[in-house]
Every structure is written in structure tokens, then in C-alpha cells.
Amino acid sequence: MTGMQETNEFGEPIIAEPVNELIPEEILADMINLWSVFAMESQDRVPISELRVLMRALDLDLNPTELAEVRKQIDPTNEGFIRFDNLKKVMEEKLKEVDTYEDLIKEF
């Protein structure tokens, strides 16, 4: 072991995200990748104006009422920005609402 940190194709260090049992690994990886595209330079936040685009990129096409509800959850202090932790909380809730294939089979 050399003690060197693993890097991505751009030479940037890869930061291990804690395992989140409520969000599947594949979706969490998508969230992290999207976040890196939308996040403002080194500020770890995304303007709230990007909320609809961000949700659509995560395969959640919300109607205006749902979007307003998510906006309240994701920006409770009305600062005008999305924080990654709040995004994860919202995604956890939204993923709970989606029936999995296994759930549908059980119901059938």
C-alpha cells in the first residue's frame, strides 16, 4: 500500500461517499455526478432555479404542485440554494414513494 489516494480520469481525488441504505448505489452515484455538474464553484450548492432541471435529470418529472412542495423541503430557509444533504433527504422520500418491481409482484 502506497498511501496514495485514488483519482478519477481528471486527476482529482475520489472522495468516498458514506453508504446510504435508502438510496440505491447507482442512483446515489448519478446524484453525485449531477451535483458536480450543477454545483457552483467550490460552494457546494446549486441555485434553486435549477431545481426542476435537477429533478428531471434524476428521472423525477414533478408537476408544479409537487415541485413547490419539494422546493419547500429542499430550501427550508428560503436562501435560494439547494444543499446536497437536503437533496438526499428529498430523494430518499421520493424513492420511498416509488414501488419497486418486487413490491409490485407482491401486490399482484
PDB file of N, CA and C in Angstrom:
ATOM      1  N   MET A   1       0.845  -1.183   0.000  1.00  0.00           N
ATOM      2  CA  MET A   1       0.000   0.000   0.000  1.00  0.00           C
ATOM      3  C   MET A   1       0.885   1.239   0.000  1.00  0.00           C
ATOM      4  N   THR A   2       0.631   2.136  -0.924  1.00  0.00           N
ATOM      5  CA  THR A   2       1.478   3.319  -1.086  1.00  0.00           C
ATOM      6  C   THR A   2       0.965   4.529  -0.335  1.00  0.00           C
ATOM      7  N   GLY A   3      -0.262   4.503   0.110  1.00  0.00           N
ATOM      8  CA  GLY A   3      -0.833   5.637   0.814  1.00  0.00           C
ATOM      9  C   GLY A   3      -1.364   6.709  -0.109  1.00  0.00           C
ATOM     10  N   MET A   4      -1.316   6.463  -1.416  1.00  0.00           N
ATOM     11  CA  MET A   4      -1.821   7.441  -2.373  1.00  0.00           C
ATOM     12  C   MET A   4      -3.334   7.320  -2.484  1.00  0.00           C
ATOM     13  N   GLN A   5      -3.968   8.454  -2.669  1.00  0.00           N
ATOM     14  CA  GLN A   5      -5.416   8.475  -2.822  1.00  0.00           C
ATOM     15  C   GLN A   5      -5.784   8.178  -4.273  1.00  0.00           C
ATOM     16  N   GLU A   6      -6.860   7.433  -4.456  1.00  0.00           N
ATOM     17  CA  GLU A   6      -7.344   7.108  -5.798  1.00  0.00           C
ATOM     18  C   GLU A   6      -7.873   8.380  -6.459  1.00  0.00           C
ATOM     19  N   THR A   7      -7.620   8.510  -7.783  1.00  0.00           N
ATOM     20  CA  THR A   7      -8.071   9.692  -8.513  1.00  0.00           C
ATOM     21  C   THR A   7      -8.921   9.289  -9.701  1.00  0.00           C
ATOM     22  N   ASN A   8      -9.732  10.236 -10.183  1.00  0.00           N
ATOM     23  CA  ASN A   8     -10.549   9.988 -11.370  1.00  0.00           C
ATOM     24  C   ASN A   8      -9.736  10.297 -12.622  1.00  0.00           C
ATOM     25  N   GLU A   9     -10.408  10.247 -13.790  1.00  0.00           N
ATOM     26  CA  GLU A   9      -9.692  10.453 -15.056  1.00  0.00           C
ATOM     27  C   GLU A   9      -9.122  11.857 -15.215  1.00  0.00           C
ATOM     28  N   PHE A  10      -9.555  12.800 -14.364  1.00  0.00           N
ATOM     29  CA  PHE A  10      -9.052  14.165 -14.435  1.00  0.00           C
ATOM     30  C   PHE A  10      -7.963  14.429 -13.388  1.00  0.00           C
ATOM     31  N   GLY A  11      -7.573  13.365 -12.658  1.00  0.00           N
ATOM     32  CA  GLY A  11      -6.551  13.507 -11.641  1.00  0.00           C
ATOM     33  C   GLY A  11      -7.066  14.065 -10.327  1.00  0.00           C
ATOM     34  N   GLU A  12      -8.403  14.217 -10.210  1.00  0.00           N
ATOM     35  CA  GLU A  12      -8.987  14.732  -8.979  1.00  0.00           C
ATOM     36  C   GLU A  12      -9.183  13.585  -7.999  1.00  0.00           C
ATOM     37  N   PRO A  13      -8.971  13.833  -6.696  1.00  0.00           N
ATOM     38  CA  PRO A  13      -9.148  12.751  -5.721  1.00  0.00           C
ATOM     39  C   PRO A  13     -10.601  12.281  -5.685  1.00  0.00           C
ATOM     40  N   ILE A  14     -10.770  10.983  -5.555  1.00  0.00           N
ATOM     41  CA  ILE A  14     -12.107  10.406  -5.435  1.00  0.00           C
ATOM     42  C   ILE A  14     -12.444  10.354  -3.955  1.00  0.00           C
ATOM     43  N   ILE A  15     -13.525  11.017  -3.601  1.00  0.00           N
ATOM     44  CA  ILE A  15     -13.954  11.068  -2.211  1.00  0.00           C
ATOM     45  C   ILE A  15     -15.027  10.019  -2.013  1.00  0.00           C
ATOM     46  N   ALA A  16     -14.774   9.106  -1.094  1.00  0.00           N
ATOM     47  CA  ALA A  16     -15.742   8.038  -0.828  1.00  0.00           C
ATOM     48  C   ALA A  16     -16.945   8.632  -0.119  1.00  0.00           C
ATOM     49  N   GLU A  17     -18.111   8.385  -0.664  1.00  0.00           N
ATOM     50  CA  GLU A  17     -19.350   8.825  -0.046  1.00  0.00           C
ATOM     51  C   GLU A  17     -19.798   7.762   0.943  1.00  0.00           C
ATOM     52  N   PRO A  18     -20.370   8.160   2.067  1.00  0.00           N
ATOM     53  CA  PRO A  18     -20.871   7.161   3.003  1.00  0.00           C
ATOM     54  C   PRO A  18     -21.986   6.353   2.358  1.00  0.00           C
ATOM     55  N   VAL A  19     -22.073   5.100   2.722  1.00  0.00           N
ATOM     56  CA  VAL A  19     -23.111   4.239   2.175  1.00  0.00           C
ATOM     57  C   VAL A  19     -24.457   4.705   2.708  1.00  0.00           C
ATOM     58  N   ASN A  20     -25.397   4.875   1.810  1.00  0.00           N
ATOM     59  CA  ASN A  20     -26.734   5.307   2.180  1.00  0.00           C
ATOM     60  C   ASN A  20     -27.684   4.181   1.824  1.00  0.00           C
ATOM     61  N   GLU A  21     -28.233   3.545   2.824  1.00  0.00           N
ATOM     62  CA  GLU A  21     -29.064   2.377   2.600  1.00  0.00           C
ATOM     63  C   GLU A  21     -30.378   2.700   1.903  1.00  0.00           C
ATOM     64  N   LEU A  22     -30.858   3.926   2.011  1.00  0.00           N
ATOM     65  CA  LEU A  22     -32.158   4.273   1.451  1.00  0.00           C
ATOM     66  C   LEU A  22     -32.095   4.642  -0.027  1.00  0.00           C
ATOM     67  N   ILE A  23     -30.936   5.019  -0.502  1.00  0.00           N
ATOM     68  CA  ILE A  23     -30.769   5.381  -1.904  1.00  0.00           C
ATOM     69  C   ILE A  23     -29.863   4.336  -2.545  1.00  0.00           C
ATOM     70  N   PRO A  24     -30.357   3.656  -3.567  1.00  0.00           N
ATOM     71  CA  PRO A  24     -29.511   2.661  -4.239  1.00  0.00           C
ATOM     72  C   PRO A  24     -28.205   3.285  -4.727  1.00  0.00           C
ATOM     73  N   GLU A  25     -27.148   2.490  -4.697  1.00  0.00           N
ATOM     74  CA  GLU A  25     -25.808   2.962  -5.049  1.00  0.00           C
ATOM     75  C   GLU A  25     -25.763   3.623  -6.424  1.00  0.00           C
ATOM     76  N   GLU A  26     -26.460   3.044  -7.397  1.00  0.00           N
ATOM     77  CA  GLU A  26     -26.468   3.588  -8.753  1.00  0.00           C
ATOM     78  C   GLU A  26     -27.092   4.985  -8.793  1.00  0.00           C
ATOM     79  N   ILE A  27     -28.187   5.173  -8.077  1.00  0.00           N
ATOM     80  CA  ILE A  27     -28.859   6.472  -8.045  1.00  0.00           C
ATOM     81  C   ILE A  27     -28.007   7.489  -7.295  1.00  0.00           C
ATOM     82  N   LEU A  28     -27.386   7.054  -6.192  1.00  0.00           N
ATOM     83  CA  LEU A  28     -26.513   7.956  -5.441  1.00  0.00           C
ATOM     84  C   LEU A  28     -25.342   8.415  -6.308  1.00  0.00           C
ATOM     85  N   ALA A  29     -24.777   7.507  -7.083  1.00  0.00           N
ATOM     86  CA  ALA A  29     -23.678   7.872  -7.992  1.00  0.00           C
ATOM     87  C   ALA A  29     -24.161   8.887  -9.017  1.00  0.00           C
ATOM     88  N   ASP A  30     -25.372   8.691  -9.556  1.00  0.00           N
ATOM     89  CA  ASP A  30     -25.944   9.661 -10.503  1.00  0.00           C
ATOM     90  C   ASP A  30     -26.127  11.016  -9.833  1.00  0.00           C
ATOM     91  N   MET A  31     -26.610  11.002  -8.584  1.00  0.00           N
ATOM     92  CA  MET A  31     -26.812  12.257  -7.857  1.00  0.00           C
ATOM     93  C   MET A  31     -25.490  13.000  -7.676  1.00  0.00           C
ATOM     94  N   ILE A  32     -24.450  12.267  -7.312  1.00  0.00           N
ATOM     95  CA  ILE A  32     -23.135  12.888  -7.096  1.00  0.00           C
ATOM     96  C   ILE A  32     -22.599  13.463  -8.403  1.00  0.00           C
ATOM     97  N   ASN A  33     -22.740  12.710  -9.487  1.00  0.00           N
ATOM     98  CA  ASN A  33     -22.272  13.201 -10.791  1.00  0.00           C
ATOM     99  C   ASN A  33     -23.038  14.446 -11.225  1.00  0.00           C
ATOM    100  N   LEU A  34     -24.361  14.408 -11.088  1.00  0.00           N
ATOM    101  CA  LEU A  34     -25.164  15.578 -11.450  1.00  0.00           C
ATOM    102  C   LEU A  34     -24.821  16.768 -10.570  1.00  0.00           C
ATOM    103  N   TRP A  35     -24.627  16.498  -9.299  1.00  0.00           N
ATOM    104  CA  TRP A  35     -24.299  17.573  -8.365  1.00  0.00           C
ATOM    105  C   TRP A  35     -23.022  18.279  -8.799  1.00  0.00           C
ATOM    106  N   SER A  36     -22.036  17.501  -9.229  1.00  0.00           N
ATOM    107  CA  SER A  36     -20.769  18.115  -9.634  1.00  0.00           C
ATOM    108  C   SER A  36     -20.938  18.998 -10.868  1.00  0.00           C
ATOM    109  N   VAL A  37     -21.924  18.683 -11.708  1.00  0.00           N
ATOM    110  CA  VAL A  37     -22.194  19.499 -12.885  1.00  0.00           C
ATOM    111  C   VAL A  37     -22.896  20.805 -12.499  1.00  0.00           C
ATOM    112  N   PHE A  38     -23.847  20.713 -11.580  1.00  0.00           N
ATOM    113  CA  PHE A  38     -24.669  21.872 -11.227  1.00  0.00           C
ATOM    114  C   PHE A  38     -24.079  22.749 -10.121  1.00  0.00           C
ATOM    115  N   ALA A  39     -23.288  22.178  -9.219  1.00  0.00           N
ATOM    116  CA  ALA A  39     -22.806  22.925  -8.050  1.00  0.00           C
ATOM    117  C   ALA A  39     -21.956  24.118  -8.468  1.00  0.00           C
ATOM    118  N   MET A  40     -22.198  25.214  -7.781  1.00  0.00           N
ATOM    119  CA  MET A  40     -21.423  26.424  -8.046  1.00  0.00           C
ATOM    120  C   MET A  40     -19.996  26.211  -7.562  1.00  0.00           C
ATOM    121  N   GLU A  41     -19.057  26.843  -8.207  1.00  0.00           N
ATOM    122  CA  GLU A  41     -17.632  26.670  -7.938  1.00  0.00           C
ATOM    123  C   GLU A  41     -17.323  26.627  -6.442  1.00  0.00           C
ATOM    124  N   SER A  42     -16.928  25.474  -5.972  1.00  0.00           N
ATOM    125  CA  SER A  42     -16.447  25.250  -4.600  1.00  0.00           C
ATOM    126  C   SER A  42     -17.419  25.686  -3.509  1.00  0.00           C
ATOM    127  N   GLN A  43     -18.662  25.901  -3.836  1.00  0.00           N
ATOM    128  CA  GLN A  43     -19.583  26.391  -2.818  1.00  0.00           C
ATOM    129  C   GLN A  43     -20.566  25.327  -2.354  1.00  0.00           C
ATOM    130  N   ASP A  44     -20.521  24.158  -2.944  1.00  0.00           N
ATOM    131  CA  ASP A  44     -21.355  23.031  -2.553  1.00  0.00           C
ATOM    132  C   ASP A  44     -22.841  23.404  -2.457  1.00  0.00           C
ATOM    133  N   ARG A  45     -23.290  24.143  -3.436  1.00  0.00           N
ATOM    134  CA  ARG A  45     -24.706  24.500  -3.504  1.00  0.00           C
ATOM    135  C   ARG A  45     -25.088  24.736  -4.953  1.00  0.00           C
ATOM    136  N   VAL A  46     -26.381  24.590  -5.206  1.00  0.00           N
ATOM    137  CA  VAL A  46     -26.926  24.771  -6.551  1.00  0.00           C
ATOM    138  C   VAL A  46     -28.052  25.798  -6.435  1.00  0.00           C
ATOM    139  N   PRO A  47     -28.132  26.752  -7.358  1.00  0.00           N
ATOM    140  CA  PRO A  47     -29.238  27.720  -7.309  1.00  0.00           C
ATOM    141  C   PRO A  47     -30.585  26.998  -7.377  1.00  0.00           C
ATOM    142  N   ILE A  48     -31.529  27.449  -6.602  1.00  0.00           N
ATOM    143  CA  ILE A  48     -32.853  26.833  -6.557  1.00  0.00           C
ATOM    144  C   ILE A  48     -33.532  26.898  -7.920  1.00  0.00           C
ATOM    145  N   SER A  49     -33.136  27.826  -8.764  1.00  0.00           N
ATOM    146  CA  SER A  49     -33.714  27.942 -10.108  1.00  0.00           C
ATOM    147  C   SER A  49     -33.427  26.695 -10.948  1.00  0.00           C
ATOM    148  N   GLU A  50     -32.457  25.891 -10.558  1.00  0.00           N
ATOM    149  CA  GLU A  50     -32.103  24.673 -11.281  1.00  0.00           C
ATOM    150  C   GLU A  50     -32.856  23.446 -10.759  1.00  0.00           C
ATOM    151  N   LEU A  51     -33.757  23.638  -9.795  1.00  0.00           N
ATOM    152  CA  LEU A  51     -34.429  22.508  -9.156  1.00  0.00           C
ATOM    153  C   LEU A  51     -35.166  21.612 -10.145  1.00  0.00           C
ATOM    154  N   ARG A  52     -35.983  22.193 -11.014  1.00  0.00           N
ATOM    155  CA  ARG A  52     -36.754  21.381 -11.968  1.00  0.00           C
ATOM    156  C   ARG A  52     -35.832  20.581 -12.892  1.00  0.00           C
ATOM    157  N   VAL A  53     -34.770  21.224 -13.388  1.00  0.00           N
ATOM    158  CA  VAL A  53     -33.828  20.551 -14.273  1.00  0.00           C
ATOM    159  C   VAL A  53     -33.127  19.420 -13.522  1.00  0.00           C
ATOM    160  N   LEU A  54     -32.728  19.680 -12.294  1.00  0.00           N
ATOM    161  CA  LEU A  54     -32.062  18.677 -11.475  1.00  0.00           C
ATOM    162  C   LEU A  54     -32.980  17.485 -11.207  1.00  0.00           C
ATOM    163  N   MET A  55     -34.234  17.757 -10.881  1.00  0.00           N
ATOM    164  CA  MET A  55     -35.191  16.682 -10.621  1.00  0.00           C
ATOM    165  C   MET A  55     -35.443  15.849 -11.880  1.00  0.00           C
ATOM    166  N   ARG A  56     -35.566  16.525 -13.016  1.00  0.00           N
ATOM    167  CA  ARG A  56     -35.765  15.797 -14.278  1.00  0.00           C
ATOM    168  C   ARG A  56     -34.551  14.930 -14.612  1.00  0.00           C
ATOM    169  N   ALA A  57     -33.360  15.461 -14.344  1.00  0.00           N
ATOM    170  CA  ALA A  57     -32.143  14.685 -14.598  1.00  0.00           C
ATOM    171  C   ALA A  57     -32.073  13.453 -13.710  1.00  0.00           C
ATOM    172  N   LEU A  58     -32.754  13.501 -12.566  1.00  0.00           N
ATOM    173  CA  LEU A  58     -32.822  12.356 -11.660  1.00  0.00           C
ATOM    174  C   LEU A  58     -34.078  11.520 -11.911  1.00  0.00           C
ATOM    175  N   ASP A  59     -34.696  11.702 -13.083  1.00  0.00           N
ATOM    176  CA  ASP A  59     -35.886  10.953 -13.508  1.00  0.00           C
ATOM    177  C   ASP A  59     -37.115  11.208 -12.644  1.00  0.00           C
ATOM    178  N   LEU A  60     -37.234  12.423 -12.121  1.00  0.00           N
ATOM    179  CA  LEU A  60     -38.425  12.816 -11.379  1.00  0.00           C
ATOM    180  C   LEU A  60     -39.047  14.020 -12.081  1.00  0.00           C
ATOM    181  N   ASP A  61     -40.054  13.758 -12.887  1.00  0.00           N
ATOM    182  CA  ASP A  61     -40.749  14.835 -13.590  1.00  0.00           C
ATOM    183  C   ASP A  61     -41.936  15.236 -12.729  1.00  0.00           C
ATOM    184  N   LEU A  62     -41.758  16.288 -11.951  1.00  0.00           N
ATOM    185  CA  LEU A  62     -42.759  16.711 -10.976  1.00  0.00           C
ATOM    186  C   LEU A  62     -43.705  17.740 -11.563  1.00  0.00           C
ATOM    187  N   ASN A  63     -44.981  17.638 -11.186  1.00  0.00           N
ATOM    188  CA  ASN A  63     -45.931  18.669 -11.597  1.00  0.00           C
ATOM    189  C   ASN A  63     -45.668  19.916 -10.747  1.00  0.00           C
ATOM    190  N   PRO A  64     -46.267  21.061 -11.097  1.00  0.00           N
ATOM    191  CA  PRO A  64     -45.972  22.302 -10.371  1.00  0.00           C
ATOM    192  C   PRO A  64     -46.249  22.228  -8.861  1.00  0.00           C
ATOM    193  N   THR A  65     -47.299  21.523  -8.464  1.00  0.00           N
ATOM    194  CA  THR A  65     -47.618  21.392  -7.040  1.00  0.00           C
ATOM    195  C   THR A  65     -46.540  20.592  -6.324  1.00  0.00           C
ATOM    196  N   GLU A  66     -46.146  19.463  -6.930  1.00  0.00           N
ATOM    197  CA  GLU A  66     -45.089  18.630  -6.339  1.00  0.00           C
ATOM    198  C   GLU A  66     -43.771  19.392  -6.279  1.00  0.00           C
ATOM    199  N   LEU A  67     -43.472  20.142  -7.325  1.00  0.00           N
ATOM    200  CA  LEU A  67     -42.237  20.908  -7.375  1.00  0.00           C
ATOM    201  C   LEU A  67     -42.211  21.968  -6.267  1.00  0.00           C
ATOM    202  N   ALA A  68     -43.333  22.617  -6.035  1.00  0.00           N
ATOM    203  CA  ALA A  68     -43.415  23.622  -4.962  1.00  0.00           C
ATOM    204  C   ALA A  68     -43.195  22.966  -3.595  1.00  0.00           C
ATOM    205  N   GLU A  69     -43.753  21.783  -3.422  1.00  0.00           N
ATOM    206  CA  GLU A  69     -43.576  21.044  -2.164  1.00  0.00           C
ATOM    207  C   GLU A  69     -42.108  20.659  -1.965  1.00  0.00           C
ATOM    208  N   VAL A  70     -41.484  20.156  -3.027  1.00  0.00           N
ATOM    209  CA  VAL A  70     -40.072  19.774  -2.964  1.00  0.00           C
ATOM    210  C   VAL A  70     -39.214  20.999  -2.687  1.00  0.00           C
ATOM    211  N   ARG A  71     -39.566  22.114  -3.305  1.00  0.00           N
ATOM    212  CA  ARG A  71     -38.798  23.349  -3.086  1.00  0.00           C
ATOM    213  C   ARG A  71     -38.805  23.740  -1.609  1.00  0.00           C
ATOM    214  N   LYS A  72     -39.957  23.602  -0.943  1.00  0.00           N
ATOM    215  CA  LYS A  72     -40.035  23.917   0.487  1.00  0.00           C
ATOM    216  C   LYS A  72     -39.162  22.975   1.305  1.00  0.00           C
ATOM    217  N   GLN A  73     -39.131  21.692   0.902  1.00  0.00           N
ATOM    218  CA  GLN A  73     -38.321  20.708   1.628  1.00  0.00           C
ATOM    219  C   GLN A  73     -36.832  20.915   1.384  1.00  0.00           C
ATOM    220  N   ILE A  74     -36.487  21.247   0.166  1.00  0.00           N
ATOM    221  CA  ILE A  74     -35.085  21.307  -0.223  1.00  0.00           C
ATOM    222  C   ILE A  74     -34.437  22.641   0.153  1.00  0.00           C
ATOM    223  N   ASP A  75     -35.246  23.684   0.320  1.00  0.00           N
ATOM    224  CA  ASP A  75     -34.737  25.002   0.707  1.00  0.00           C
ATOM    225  C   ASP A  75     -35.617  25.565   1.829  1.00  0.00           C
ATOM    226  N   PRO A  76     -35.591  24.916   3.000  1.00  0.00           N
ATOM    227  CA  PRO A  76     -36.498  25.318   4.081  1.00  0.00           C
ATOM    228  C   PRO A  76     -36.273  26.735   4.601  1.00  0.00           C
ATOM    229  N   THR A  77     -35.057  27.254   4.469  1.00  0.00           N
ATOM    230  CA  THR A  77     -34.763  28.604   4.953  1.00  0.00           C
ATOM    231  C   THR A  77     -34.942  29.659   3.878  1.00  0.00           C
ATOM    232  N   ASN A  78     -35.345  29.228   2.672  1.00  0.00           N
ATOM    233  CA  ASN A  78     -35.598  30.125   1.552  1.00  0.00           C
ATOM    234  C   ASN A  78     -34.377  30.976   1.203  1.00  0.00           C
ATOM    235  N   GLU A  79     -33.195  30.340   1.243  1.00  0.00           N
ATOM    236  CA  GLU A  79     -31.968  31.061   0.914  1.00  0.00           C
ATOM    237  C   GLU A  79     -31.699  31.115  -0.586  1.00  0.00           C
ATOM    238  N   GLY A  80     -32.454  30.315  -1.357  1.00  0.00           N
ATOM    239  CA  GLY A  80     -32.298  30.351  -2.804  1.00  0.00           C
ATOM    240  C   GLY A  80     -31.313  29.336  -3.353  1.00  0.00           C
ATOM    241  N   PHE A  81     -30.889  28.385  -2.514  1.00  0.00           N
ATOM    242  CA  PHE A  81     -29.933  27.386  -2.937  1.00  0.00           C
ATOM    243  C   PHE A  81     -30.339  25.998  -2.465  1.00  0.00           C
ATOM    244  N   ILE A  82     -29.876  24.998  -3.206  1.00  0.00           N
ATOM    245  CA  ILE A  82     -30.078  23.603  -2.856  1.00  0.00           C
ATOM    246  C   ILE A  82     -28.773  23.106  -2.249  1.00  0.00           C
ATOM    247  N   ARG A  83     -28.851  22.458  -1.121  1.00  0.00           N
ATOM    248  CA  ARG A  83     -27.698  21.818  -0.495  1.00  0.00           C
ATOM    249  C   ARG A  83     -27.800  20.316  -0.754  1.00  0.00           C
ATOM    250  N   PHE A  84     -26.658  19.639  -0.926  1.00  0.00           N
ATOM    251  CA  PHE A  84     -26.665  18.214  -1.267  1.00  0.00           C
ATOM    252  C   PHE A  84     -27.370  17.386  -0.199  1.00  0.00           C
ATOM    253  N   ASP A  85     -27.155  17.694   1.071  1.00  0.00           N
ATOM    254  CA  ASP A  85     -27.819  16.933   2.139  1.00  0.00           C
ATOM    255  C   ASP A  85     -29.338  17.017   2.025  1.00  0.00           C
ATOM    256  N   ASN A  86     -29.845  18.190   1.699  1.00  0.00           N
ATOM    257  CA  ASN A  86     -31.296  18.347   1.526  1.00  0.00           C
ATOM    258  C   ASN A  86     -31.780  17.596   0.292  1.00  0.00           C
ATOM    259  N   LEU A  87     -30.977  17.605  -0.756  1.00  0.00           N
ATOM    260  CA  LEU A  87     -31.328  16.856  -1.957  1.00  0.00           C
ATOM    261  C   LEU A  87     -31.430  15.364  -1.635  1.00  0.00           C
ATOM    262  N   LYS A  88     -30.472  14.847  -0.866  1.00  0.00           N
ATOM    263  CA  LYS A  88     -30.505  13.433  -0.488  1.00  0.00           C
ATOM    264  C   LYS A  88     -31.759  13.099   0.320  1.00  0.00           C
ATOM    265  N   LYS A  89     -32.130  13.973   1.234  1.00  0.00           N
ATOM    266  CA  LYS A  89     -33.336  13.736   2.044  1.00  0.00           C
ATOM    267  C   LYS A  89     -34.580  13.669   1.157  1.00  0.00           C
ATOM    268  N   VAL A  90     -34.681  14.600   0.227  1.00  0.00           N
ATOM    269  CA  VAL A  90     -35.826  14.620  -0.680  1.00  0.00           C
ATOM    270  C   VAL A  90     -35.838  13.362  -1.548  1.00  0.00           C
ATOM    271  N   MET A  91     -34.685  12.982  -2.063  1.00  0.00           N
ATOM    272  CA  MET A  91     -34.607  11.783  -2.901  1.00  0.00           C
ATOM    273  C   MET A  91     -34.982  10.531  -2.112  1.00  0.00           C
ATOM    274  N   GLU A  92     -34.571  10.465  -0.861  1.00  0.00           N
ATOM    275  CA  GLU A  92     -34.952   9.330  -0.013  1.00  0.00           C
ATOM    276  C   GLU A  92     -36.473   9.241   0.080  1.00  0.00           C
ATOM    277  N   GLU A  93     -37.117  10.382   0.305  1.00  0.00           N
ATOM    278  CA  GLU A  93     -38.578  10.411   0.406  1.00  0.00           C
ATOM    279  C   GLU A  93     -39.233  10.017  -0.914  1.00  0.00           C
ATOM    280  N   LYS A  94     -38.725  10.580  -2.002  1.00  0.00           N
ATOM    281  CA  LYS A  94     -39.313  10.287  -3.320  1.00  0.00           C
ATOM    282  C   LYS A  94     -39.133   8.816  -3.687  1.00  0.00           C
ATOM    283  N   LEU A  95     -37.986   8.242  -3.343  1.00  0.00           N
ATOM    284  CA  LEU A  95     -37.742   6.840  -3.667  1.00  0.00           C
ATOM    285  C   LEU A  95     -38.604   5.910  -2.822  1.00  0.00           C
ATOM    286  N   LYS A  96     -38.985   6.340  -1.628  1.00  0.00           N
ATOM    287  CA  LYS A  96     -39.899   5.549  -0.800  1.00  0.00           C
ATOM    288  C   LYS A  96     -41.270   5.457  -1.461  1.00  0.00           C
ATOM    289  N   GLU A  97     -41.639   6.520  -2.175  1.00  0.00           N
ATOM    290  CA  GLU A  97     -42.960   6.587  -2.806  1.00  0.00           C
ATOM    291  C   GLU A  97     -43.055   5.714  -4.049  1.00  0.00           C
ATOM    292  N   VAL A  98     -41.914   5.387  -4.652  1.00  0.00           N
ATOM    293  CA  VAL A  98     -41.897   4.615  -5.891  1.00  0.00           C
ATOM    294  C   VAL A  98     -41.936   3.135  -5.556  1.00  0.00           C
ATOM    295  N   ASP A  99     -42.908   2.435  -6.136  1.00  0.00           N
ATOM    296  CA  ASP A  99     -42.980   0.997  -5.941  1.00  0.00           C
ATOM    297  C   ASP A  99     -41.857   0.313  -6.701  1.00  0.00           C
ATOM    298  N   THR A 100     -41.184  -0.595  -6.022  1.00  0.00           N
ATOM    299  CA  THR A 100     -40.162  -1.369  -6.697  1.00  0.00           C
ATOM    300  C   THR A 100     -40.825  -2.515  -7.440  1.00  0.00           C
ATOM    301  N   TYR A 101     -40.096  -3.122  -8.324  1.00  0.00           N
ATOM    302  CA  TYR A 101     -40.590  -4.271  -9.084  1.00  0.00           C
ATOM    303  C   TYR A 101     -41.044  -5.365  -8.114  1.00  0.00           C
ATOM    304  N   GLU A 102     -40.262  -5.590  -7.063  1.00  0.00           N
ATOM    305  CA  GLU A 102     -40.600  -6.613  -6.076  1.00  0.00           C
ATOM    306  C   GLU A 102     -41.908  -6.285  -5.359  1.00  0.00           C
ATOM    307  N   ASP A 103     -42.107  -4.998  -5.032  1.00  0.00           N
ATOM    308  CA  ASP A 103     -43.345  -4.585  -4.375  1.00  0.00           C
ATOM    309  C   ASP A 103     -44.547  -4.853  -5.274  1.00  0.00           C
ATOM    310  N   LEU A 104     -44.403  -4.552  -6.556  1.00  0.00           N
ATOM    311  CA  LEU A 104     -45.498  -4.772  -7.497  1.00  0.00           C
ATOM    312  C   LEU A 104     -45.824  -6.266  -7.619  1.00  0.00           C
ATOM    313  N   ILE A 105     -44.797  -7.112  -7.628  1.00  0.00           N
ATOM    314  CA  ILE A 105     -45.008  -8.554  -7.708  1.00  0.00           C
ATOM    315  C   ILE A 105     -45.751  -9.043  -6.468  1.00  0.00           C
ATOM    316  N   LYS A 106     -45.349  -8.552  -5.293  1.00  0.00           N
ATOM    317  CA  LYS A 106     -46.010  -8.950  -4.038  1.00  0.00           C
ATOM    318  C   LYS A 106     -47.486  -8.558  -4.067  1.00  0.00           C
ATOM    319  N   GLU A 107     -47.765  -7.339  -4.540  1.00  0.00           N
ATOM    320  CA  GLU A 107     -49.147  -6.871  -4.597  1.00  0.00           C
ATOM    321  C   GLU A 107     -49.979  -7.688  -5.584  1.00  0.00           C
ATOM    322  N   PHE A 108     -49.360  -8.091  -6.672  1.00  0.00           N
ATOM    323  CA  PHE A 108     -50.054  -8.857  -7.687  1.00  0.00           C
ATOM    324  C   PHE A 108     -50.387 -10.236  -7.145  1.00  0.00           C
TER     325      PHE A 108
END
